[in-house]
Protein backbone atom coordinates (compact mmCIF):
# COMPACT_ATOMS: atom_id res chain seq x y z
CA MET A 1 22.00 -46.94 -29.03
CA LYS A 2 20.70 -44.32 -26.62
CA TYR A 3 18.26 -42.15 -28.51
CA ILE A 4 14.99 -42.73 -30.32
CA ASP A 5 16.32 -40.96 -33.45
CA GLU A 6 18.88 -43.72 -33.87
CA PHE A 7 16.02 -46.19 -34.33
CA GLN A 8 14.73 -44.08 -37.24
CA ASN A 9 18.03 -43.83 -39.14
CA PRO A 10 17.21 -44.04 -42.89
CA ASP A 11 20.62 -45.48 -43.85
CA LEU A 12 20.22 -48.35 -41.38
CA ALA A 13 16.65 -48.84 -42.58
CA ARG A 14 17.86 -49.23 -46.18
CA ARG A 15 20.46 -51.77 -45.09
CA LEU A 16 17.81 -53.81 -43.27
CA LEU A 17 15.50 -53.59 -46.28
CA ASP A 18 18.33 -54.73 -48.58
CA ASP A 19 18.99 -57.68 -46.28
CA ILE A 20 15.31 -58.65 -46.33
CA ARG A 21 15.17 -58.37 -50.15
CA SER A 22 18.25 -60.55 -50.54
CA THR A 23 16.81 -63.19 -48.18
CA VAL A 24 13.21 -63.58 -49.29
CA THR A 25 12.49 -66.05 -52.11
CA ARG A 26 8.72 -66.57 -51.81
CA PRO A 27 5.61 -64.96 -50.29
CA TRP A 28 5.31 -64.75 -46.52
CA ALA A 29 2.53 -63.26 -44.36
CA LEU A 30 3.55 -61.85 -40.97
CA MET A 31 1.26 -60.44 -38.28
CA GLU A 32 2.24 -57.69 -35.86
CA VAL A 33 0.32 -58.12 -32.60
CA CYS A 34 0.35 -54.53 -31.36
CA GLY A 35 -1.55 -51.42 -32.37
CA GLY A 36 1.48 -49.26 -31.62
CA GLN A 37 3.51 -51.30 -34.09
CA THR A 38 0.70 -50.96 -36.64
CA HIS A 39 0.84 -47.16 -36.36
CA THR A 40 4.62 -47.21 -36.82
CA ILE A 41 4.26 -49.42 -39.89
CA ILE A 42 1.60 -47.22 -41.53
CA ARG A 43 3.14 -43.89 -40.50
CA HIS A 44 6.50 -44.79 -42.05
CA GLY A 45 5.13 -46.83 -44.96
CA ILE A 46 7.11 -49.87 -43.85
CA ASP A 47 4.59 -52.32 -45.28
CA GLN A 48 4.97 -50.69 -48.70
CA LEU A 49 8.76 -50.44 -48.51
CA LEU A 50 9.12 -54.17 -47.93
CA PRO A 51 9.62 -56.42 -50.95
CA ASP A 52 6.36 -57.60 -52.51
CA PRO A 53 6.57 -61.20 -51.21
CA VAL A 54 6.46 -59.95 -47.58
CA GLU A 55 2.99 -58.96 -46.36
CA LEU A 56 2.28 -57.43 -42.96
CA ILE A 57 -1.11 -58.31 -41.49
CA HIS A 58 -2.49 -56.15 -38.69
CA GLY A 59 -3.59 -58.15 -35.66
CA PRO A 60 -5.85 -57.60 -32.63
CA GLY A 61 -3.27 -55.57 -30.75
CA CYS A 62 -5.36 -52.52 -29.83
CA PRO A 63 -6.76 -52.85 -26.29
CA VAL A 64 -9.51 -50.28 -26.86
CA CYS A 65 -10.54 -51.95 -30.11
CA VAL A 66 -10.97 -55.43 -28.67
CA THR A 67 -13.05 -54.27 -25.68
CA PRO A 68 -16.45 -55.78 -26.48
CA LEU A 69 -19.53 -53.68 -27.03
CA GLU A 70 -21.31 -55.13 -24.01
CA VAL A 71 -18.48 -53.95 -21.72
CA ILE A 72 -18.81 -50.45 -23.21
CA ASP A 73 -22.54 -50.60 -22.52
CA LYS A 74 -21.84 -51.65 -18.93
CA ALA A 75 -19.53 -48.66 -18.60
CA LEU A 76 -22.23 -46.35 -19.97
CA GLU A 77 -24.80 -47.74 -17.54
CA ILE A 78 -22.51 -47.28 -14.54
CA ALA A 79 -21.29 -43.83 -15.63
CA SER A 80 -24.90 -42.61 -15.95
CA ARG A 81 -25.63 -43.13 -12.26
CA PRO A 82 -25.67 -39.94 -10.17
CA GLU A 83 -23.70 -41.44 -7.29
CA VAL A 84 -20.80 -42.45 -9.57
CA ILE A 85 -17.62 -40.69 -10.64
CA PHE A 86 -16.49 -42.70 -13.67
CA CYS A 87 -12.77 -42.48 -14.48
CA SER A 88 -11.12 -43.61 -17.69
CA PHE A 89 -8.21 -43.00 -19.98
CA GLY A 90 -9.16 -40.55 -22.68
CA ASP A 91 -9.13 -42.97 -25.60
CA MET A 92 -12.21 -44.78 -24.27
CA LEU A 93 -14.49 -41.74 -24.22
CA ARG A 94 -15.33 -41.76 -27.93
CA VAL A 95 -15.63 -45.52 -28.37
CA PRO A 96 -19.23 -46.10 -29.46
CA GLY A 97 -21.53 -48.21 -27.36
CA THR A 98 -25.13 -48.93 -28.27
CA GLY A 99 -26.39 -45.50 -29.30
CA ARG A 100 -23.92 -43.29 -27.41
CA ASP A 101 -20.46 -43.00 -25.88
CA LEU A 102 -18.94 -41.75 -22.62
CA PHE A 103 -18.61 -38.21 -24.00
CA GLN A 104 -22.36 -38.13 -24.48
CA VAL A 105 -22.92 -39.46 -20.97
CA ARG A 106 -20.77 -36.60 -19.69
CA GLY A 107 -22.74 -34.14 -21.81
CA GLU A 108 -25.94 -35.46 -20.26
CA GLY A 109 -24.64 -34.70 -16.76
CA GLY A 110 -22.68 -37.84 -15.89
CA ASP A 111 -19.49 -37.29 -13.89
CA VAL A 112 -17.02 -38.81 -16.36
CA ARG A 113 -13.38 -37.85 -15.83
CA VAL A 114 -10.21 -38.47 -17.83
CA VAL A 115 -7.31 -39.66 -15.70
CA TYR A 116 -3.74 -40.57 -16.55
CA SER A 117 -3.28 -43.35 -14.01
CA PRO A 118 -5.58 -45.66 -12.05
CA LEU A 119 -3.99 -44.16 -8.94
CA ASP A 120 -5.60 -40.84 -9.94
CA ALA A 121 -8.97 -42.57 -9.63
CA LEU A 122 -8.01 -43.93 -6.22
CA ARG A 123 -7.07 -40.42 -5.10
CA ILE A 124 -10.45 -39.13 -6.30
CA ALA A 125 -12.12 -41.86 -4.25
CA ARG A 126 -10.28 -40.74 -1.12
CA GLU A 127 -11.27 -37.13 -1.78
CA ASN A 128 -14.94 -38.03 -2.38
CA PRO A 129 -15.92 -40.57 0.29
CA ASP A 130 -19.62 -39.98 -0.35
CA ARG A 131 -19.36 -40.97 -4.05
CA GLU A 132 -18.66 -44.27 -5.80
CA VAL A 133 -15.53 -44.02 -7.98
CA VAL A 134 -15.11 -46.51 -10.81
CA PHE A 135 -12.01 -46.92 -12.97
CA PHE A 136 -12.37 -48.47 -16.43
CA GLY A 137 -9.61 -51.09 -16.42
CA ILE A 138 -8.96 -52.28 -19.96
CA GLY A 139 -5.93 -53.43 -21.88
CA PHE A 140 -3.38 -56.16 -22.37
CA GLU A 141 -0.69 -57.38 -20.01
CA THR A 142 0.92 -53.92 -20.04
CA THR A 143 -1.85 -52.07 -18.18
CA ALA A 144 -3.03 -54.94 -15.99
CA PRO A 145 -0.26 -54.65 -13.32
CA PRO A 146 -0.91 -50.98 -12.41
CA ASN A 147 -4.64 -51.66 -12.29
CA ALA A 148 -4.01 -54.68 -10.06
CA MET A 149 -1.76 -52.60 -7.82
CA THR A 150 -4.47 -49.93 -7.47
CA VAL A 151 -7.05 -52.47 -6.30
CA HIS A 152 -4.44 -53.93 -3.94
CA GLN A 153 -3.82 -50.43 -2.54
CA ALA A 154 -7.55 -49.73 -2.15
CA ARG A 155 -7.94 -52.90 -0.10
CA ARG A 156 -4.84 -52.21 1.98
CA LEU A 157 -5.96 -48.64 2.74
CA GLY A 158 -9.56 -49.63 3.40
CA ILE A 159 -10.98 -47.44 0.61
CA ARG A 160 -14.40 -48.98 0.05
CA ASN A 161 -15.89 -46.53 -2.46
CA PHE A 162 -13.50 -47.56 -5.27
CA SER A 163 -14.09 -50.31 -7.82
CA LEU A 164 -12.72 -51.52 -11.14
CA LEU A 165 -14.65 -52.33 -14.31
CA VAL A 166 -12.35 -54.99 -15.73
CA SER A 167 -11.84 -55.92 -19.37
CA HIS A 168 -8.25 -57.15 -19.45
CA VAL A 169 -7.10 -59.52 -22.19
CA ARG A 170 -4.04 -61.70 -22.80
CA VAL A 171 -2.05 -61.96 -26.04
CA PRO A 172 -0.96 -65.65 -26.24
CA PRO A 173 -4.53 -67.07 -26.32
CA ALA A 174 -5.37 -64.57 -29.07
CA ILE A 175 -2.44 -65.84 -31.14
CA GLU A 176 -3.70 -69.37 -30.66
CA ALA A 177 -7.23 -68.36 -31.71
CA ILE A 178 -5.87 -66.73 -34.85
CA MET A 179 -3.88 -69.81 -35.78
CA GLN A 180 -6.92 -72.04 -35.25
CA SER A 181 -9.10 -70.01 -37.61
CA PRO A 182 -9.83 -71.78 -40.91
CA ASP A 183 -9.19 -68.48 -42.71
CA CYS A 184 -5.78 -67.91 -41.13
CA ARG A 185 -2.98 -66.86 -43.50
CA VAL A 186 -0.46 -65.89 -40.82
CA GLN A 187 2.89 -67.64 -41.04
CA ALA A 188 4.81 -65.73 -38.34
CA PHE A 189 4.29 -63.17 -35.59
CA LEU A 190 5.96 -59.98 -34.44
CA ALA A 191 5.20 -60.12 -30.71
CA ALA A 192 4.60 -56.95 -28.71
CA GLY A 193 7.70 -55.91 -26.79
CA HIS A 194 5.90 -54.09 -23.98
CA VAL A 195 3.71 -57.13 -23.25
CA CYS A 196 6.79 -59.34 -23.05
CA SER A 197 8.57 -56.81 -20.81
CA VAL A 198 5.90 -57.65 -18.23
CA MET A 199 5.16 -61.31 -18.91
CA GLY A 200 8.44 -62.55 -20.35
CA VAL A 201 8.52 -64.98 -23.28
CA GLY A 202 7.69 -68.22 -21.48
CA GLU A 203 4.28 -68.72 -23.12
CA TYR A 204 5.52 -68.36 -26.69
CA PRO A 205 7.77 -71.40 -27.38
CA ALA A 206 4.83 -73.81 -27.06
CA LEU A 207 2.84 -71.73 -29.57
CA ALA A 208 5.76 -71.58 -31.97
CA ASP A 209 6.19 -75.37 -31.80
CA ARG A 210 2.48 -76.23 -31.95
CA TYR A 211 1.74 -74.10 -35.01
CA ARG A 212 5.24 -74.09 -36.51
CA VAL A 213 5.41 -70.29 -36.67
CA PRO A 214 8.37 -68.05 -35.87
CA ILE A 215 7.66 -65.51 -33.12
CA VAL A 216 10.00 -62.53 -32.84
CA VAL A 217 9.60 -60.12 -29.90
CA THR A 218 9.82 -56.67 -31.45
CA GLY A 219 9.93 -53.03 -30.39
CA PHE A 220 8.06 -50.04 -31.77
CA GLU A 221 10.41 -47.84 -33.78
CA PRO A 222 10.97 -48.29 -37.54
CA LEU A 223 14.27 -50.11 -37.13
CA ASP A 224 12.72 -52.34 -34.46
CA ILE A 225 10.00 -53.38 -36.90
CA LEU A 226 12.43 -53.94 -39.77
CA GLU A 227 14.76 -56.01 -37.58
CA GLY A 228 11.81 -58.09 -36.45
CA VAL A 229 10.77 -58.66 -40.06
CA ARG A 230 14.36 -59.52 -41.03
CA ARG A 231 14.67 -62.15 -38.31
CA THR A 232 11.25 -63.57 -39.07
CA VAL A 233 11.87 -63.87 -42.80
CA ARG A 234 15.21 -65.59 -42.17
CA GLN A 235 13.50 -68.18 -40.00
CA LEU A 236 10.75 -68.75 -42.55
CA GLU A 237 13.23 -69.18 -45.38
CA ARG A 238 15.19 -71.71 -43.30
CA GLY A 239 12.09 -73.62 -42.23
CA GLU A 240 12.61 -72.71 -38.57
CA HIS A 241 10.01 -71.79 -35.95
CA THR A 242 11.62 -70.49 -32.78
CA VAL A 243 11.09 -67.56 -30.42
CA GLU A 244 13.63 -64.73 -30.75
CA ASN A 245 13.98 -61.62 -28.62
CA ALA A 246 14.81 -58.65 -30.84
CA TYR A 247 13.92 -56.19 -28.05
CA SER A 248 16.44 -57.21 -25.41
CA ARG A 249 16.94 -53.61 -24.31
CA ALA A 250 13.53 -53.85 -22.61
CA VAL A 251 12.57 -57.54 -22.45
CA ARG A 252 14.01 -60.19 -20.18
CA PRO A 253 13.02 -63.85 -20.68
CA GLU A 254 11.51 -64.02 -17.20
CA GLY A 255 9.59 -60.74 -17.51
CA ASN A 256 8.97 -58.47 -14.51
CA PRO A 257 8.72 -60.59 -11.33
CA SER A 258 7.09 -57.83 -9.26
CA ALA A 259 4.39 -57.21 -11.86
CA LEU A 260 3.76 -60.93 -12.23
CA ALA A 261 3.39 -61.33 -8.47
CA MET A 262 0.83 -58.51 -8.36
CA LEU A 263 -1.16 -60.05 -11.21
CA GLU A 264 -1.12 -63.42 -9.44
CA ASP A 265 -2.42 -61.85 -6.25
CA VAL A 266 -5.24 -59.69 -7.65
CA PHE A 267 -6.46 -61.38 -10.84
CA GLU A 268 -7.40 -64.83 -12.06
CA VAL A 269 -7.49 -66.06 -15.65
CA THR A 270 -10.90 -66.26 -17.28
CA ASP A 271 -12.55 -66.55 -20.70
CA ARG A 272 -12.97 -63.16 -22.39
CA ALA A 273 -15.02 -61.85 -25.29
CA TRP A 274 -13.06 -59.84 -27.86
CA ARG A 275 -14.93 -57.23 -29.88
CA GLY A 276 -15.69 -58.53 -33.34
CA ILE A 277 -13.97 -61.86 -32.63
CA GLY A 278 -15.96 -63.59 -29.89
CA VAL A 279 -15.05 -65.47 -26.73
CA ILE A 280 -11.48 -66.77 -26.52
CA PRO A 281 -10.87 -69.30 -23.70
CA ASP A 282 -8.49 -68.22 -20.94
CA SER A 283 -7.79 -64.98 -22.79
CA GLY A 284 -8.44 -62.49 -20.01
CA TRP A 285 -8.38 -61.64 -16.35
CA ARG A 286 -11.00 -60.87 -13.76
CA LEU A 287 -10.64 -59.94 -10.12
CA SER A 288 -9.98 -62.97 -7.92
CA PRO A 289 -12.46 -63.89 -5.17
CA ARG A 290 -10.26 -62.14 -2.63
CA TYR A 291 -10.90 -58.82 -4.42
CA ARG A 292 -14.41 -59.46 -5.74
CA ASP A 293 -15.83 -56.64 -3.58
CA TYR A 294 -13.95 -54.23 -5.84
CA ASP A 295 -15.51 -55.55 -9.05
CA ALA A 296 -17.78 -52.86 -10.51
CA GLU A 297 -19.80 -55.38 -12.54
CA TYR A 298 -21.02 -57.01 -9.33
CA ARG A 299 -21.21 -53.83 -7.27
CA PHE A 300 -23.55 -52.18 -9.78
CA SER A 301 -25.34 -55.36 -10.93
CA VAL A 302 -24.56 -54.98 -14.65
CA THR A 303 -23.42 -58.55 -15.27
CA GLY A 304 -26.65 -59.23 -17.17
CA ILE A 305 -26.03 -56.68 -19.95
CA HIS A 306 -25.42 -58.46 -23.26
CA THR A 307 -25.22 -56.72 -26.63
CA ARG A 308 -24.81 -57.71 -30.26
CA GLU A 309 -22.16 -56.10 -32.39
CA PRO A 310 -23.48 -53.89 -35.24
CA ALA A 311 -23.42 -55.76 -38.54
CA GLU A 312 -22.32 -52.72 -40.56
CA CYS A 313 -18.99 -52.49 -38.69
CA ARG A 314 -16.34 -54.88 -40.02
CA SER A 315 -13.76 -54.14 -37.34
CA GLY A 316 -13.79 -57.80 -36.29
CA GLU A 317 -12.40 -58.76 -39.68
CA VAL A 318 -9.78 -56.01 -39.37
CA LEU A 319 -8.78 -57.23 -35.91
CA GLN A 320 -8.39 -60.80 -37.19
CA GLY A 321 -6.24 -59.67 -40.08
CA LEU A 322 -8.83 -60.75 -42.66
CA LEU A 323 -9.43 -57.24 -43.98
CA LYS A 324 -7.29 -54.13 -44.38
CA PRO A 325 -9.08 -50.98 -43.17
CA ASN A 326 -9.16 -49.35 -46.61
CA GLU A 327 -10.79 -52.48 -48.04
CA CYS A 328 -13.92 -51.81 -45.97
CA GLU A 329 -16.69 -50.07 -47.90
CA ALA A 330 -17.50 -47.85 -44.90
CA PHE A 331 -13.92 -46.68 -44.34
CA GLY A 332 -13.60 -42.91 -44.78
CA THR A 333 -17.22 -42.54 -45.85
CA THR A 334 -19.82 -43.59 -43.30
CA CYS A 335 -17.05 -44.44 -40.82
CA THR A 336 -14.67 -41.61 -39.88
CA PRO A 337 -13.08 -40.43 -36.62
CA ARG A 338 -15.97 -37.96 -36.23
CA SER A 339 -18.64 -40.59 -36.82
CA PRO A 340 -17.04 -43.98 -36.09
CA LEU A 341 -18.83 -47.28 -36.49
CA GLY A 342 -16.31 -49.08 -34.30
CA ALA A 343 -13.40 -48.63 -31.93
CA THR A 344 -10.72 -49.30 -34.56
CA MET A 345 -11.48 -45.87 -36.06
CA VAL A 346 -11.20 -43.84 -32.82
CA SER A 347 -8.56 -45.60 -30.75
CA SER A 348 -5.05 -44.15 -30.81
CA GLU A 349 -3.81 -47.67 -31.60
CA GLY A 350 -6.58 -48.72 -33.99
CA ALA A 351 -5.64 -49.89 -37.48
CA CYS A 352 -8.49 -47.94 -39.09
CA ALA A 353 -7.41 -44.79 -37.26
CA ALA A 354 -3.83 -45.29 -38.51
CA TYR A 355 -4.96 -45.67 -42.11
CA TYR A 356 -7.16 -42.58 -41.85
CA LEU A 357 -4.60 -40.44 -39.99
CA TYR A 358 -1.78 -41.19 -42.41
CA ARG A 359 -4.06 -40.90 -45.46
CA ARG A 360 -3.80 -44.52 -46.48
CA LEU A 361 -7.20 -44.14 -48.09
CA ASP A 362 -6.42 -46.61 -50.84
CA ALA A 363 -3.65 -49.01 -51.80
CA THR A 364 -1.89 -46.64 -54.21
CA THR A 365 -0.13 -44.33 -51.73
CA ASP A 366 3.56 -43.95 -52.64
CA PRO A 367 5.59 -44.56 -49.46
CA LEU A 368 8.73 -43.07 -51.00
CA GLU A 369 7.07 -39.63 -50.96
CA ALA A 370 6.05 -39.68 -47.31
CA SER A 371 8.10 -42.17 -45.35
CA PRO A 372 10.83 -40.82 -43.01
CA VAL A 373 12.75 -44.09 -43.36
CA ALA A 374 12.61 -44.25 -47.18
């Protein structure tokens, strides 16, 4: 297959759905661990096209959504300083902190700029040697290597007015935290293909064995999702719990050696707080001592900022798969993309944003009317 359209073929989708229906004999709950996969599922109505015994649970796979409130507040504090040019991807600008967001900081006179690569921020630093340039480095294993490379380049080129505000997180510890929760209903995982394209699959077999859950590495198009579900359901019905790679066109078992080497050089593993979830041991990265001079938290002395999550936002339950977005009483009423209570409503990969965008306002939407793969 060479083209994206081939991964949205409705005839192939029906065949995969028929195979799943003929295989499943009892209820199974599967979690997709990627916000991009969640948007594909909701956009195409895949969760509603599946047979009733198969439930898809949305996991904490949105990097913007899991960035904790206190990190947002640190970003707001740094971005407000007159000597700073604060650079970020656009999806972070409307994420609410305590009382405001980065758009408001920009409206108040802060120099907040949207960039499309961390290297854009490094270029801005070279062009503005009299200003401090900070890049907001968030995300999973997919965005960590380019951010690491940018810090490596800054050090190599001797650019001293550049720093990184780091909030990188790692998927395998999050899976372990989910499985250890007393409220966990997850029986299998669809692993994020882009994460595994960087990291490989080496960390997953131990998780599959320890918690006796199938883990299938899956892509992002409708047929990718359905194939991942098909393989997962087959394992569950057979009582198996292995790691399968259903995204071999992009994922190699060993991952990307160059990216892994860069991560090893620039970052070190650390405990990380996840928004709405709490601290997960060894679930993130921070700059290693060798690169500590490029850590914006230390450069701007904001390590002491600590913030409580707002009680009215239930995004933590959504991120843990305990609540569907349209089951929240604030969804679509007091919480909308124009007036969000949490990041899951404004992020391009947030589950709440997907439900709102594709009008999944309640559980009665007929997928056969709207789904391209129906």
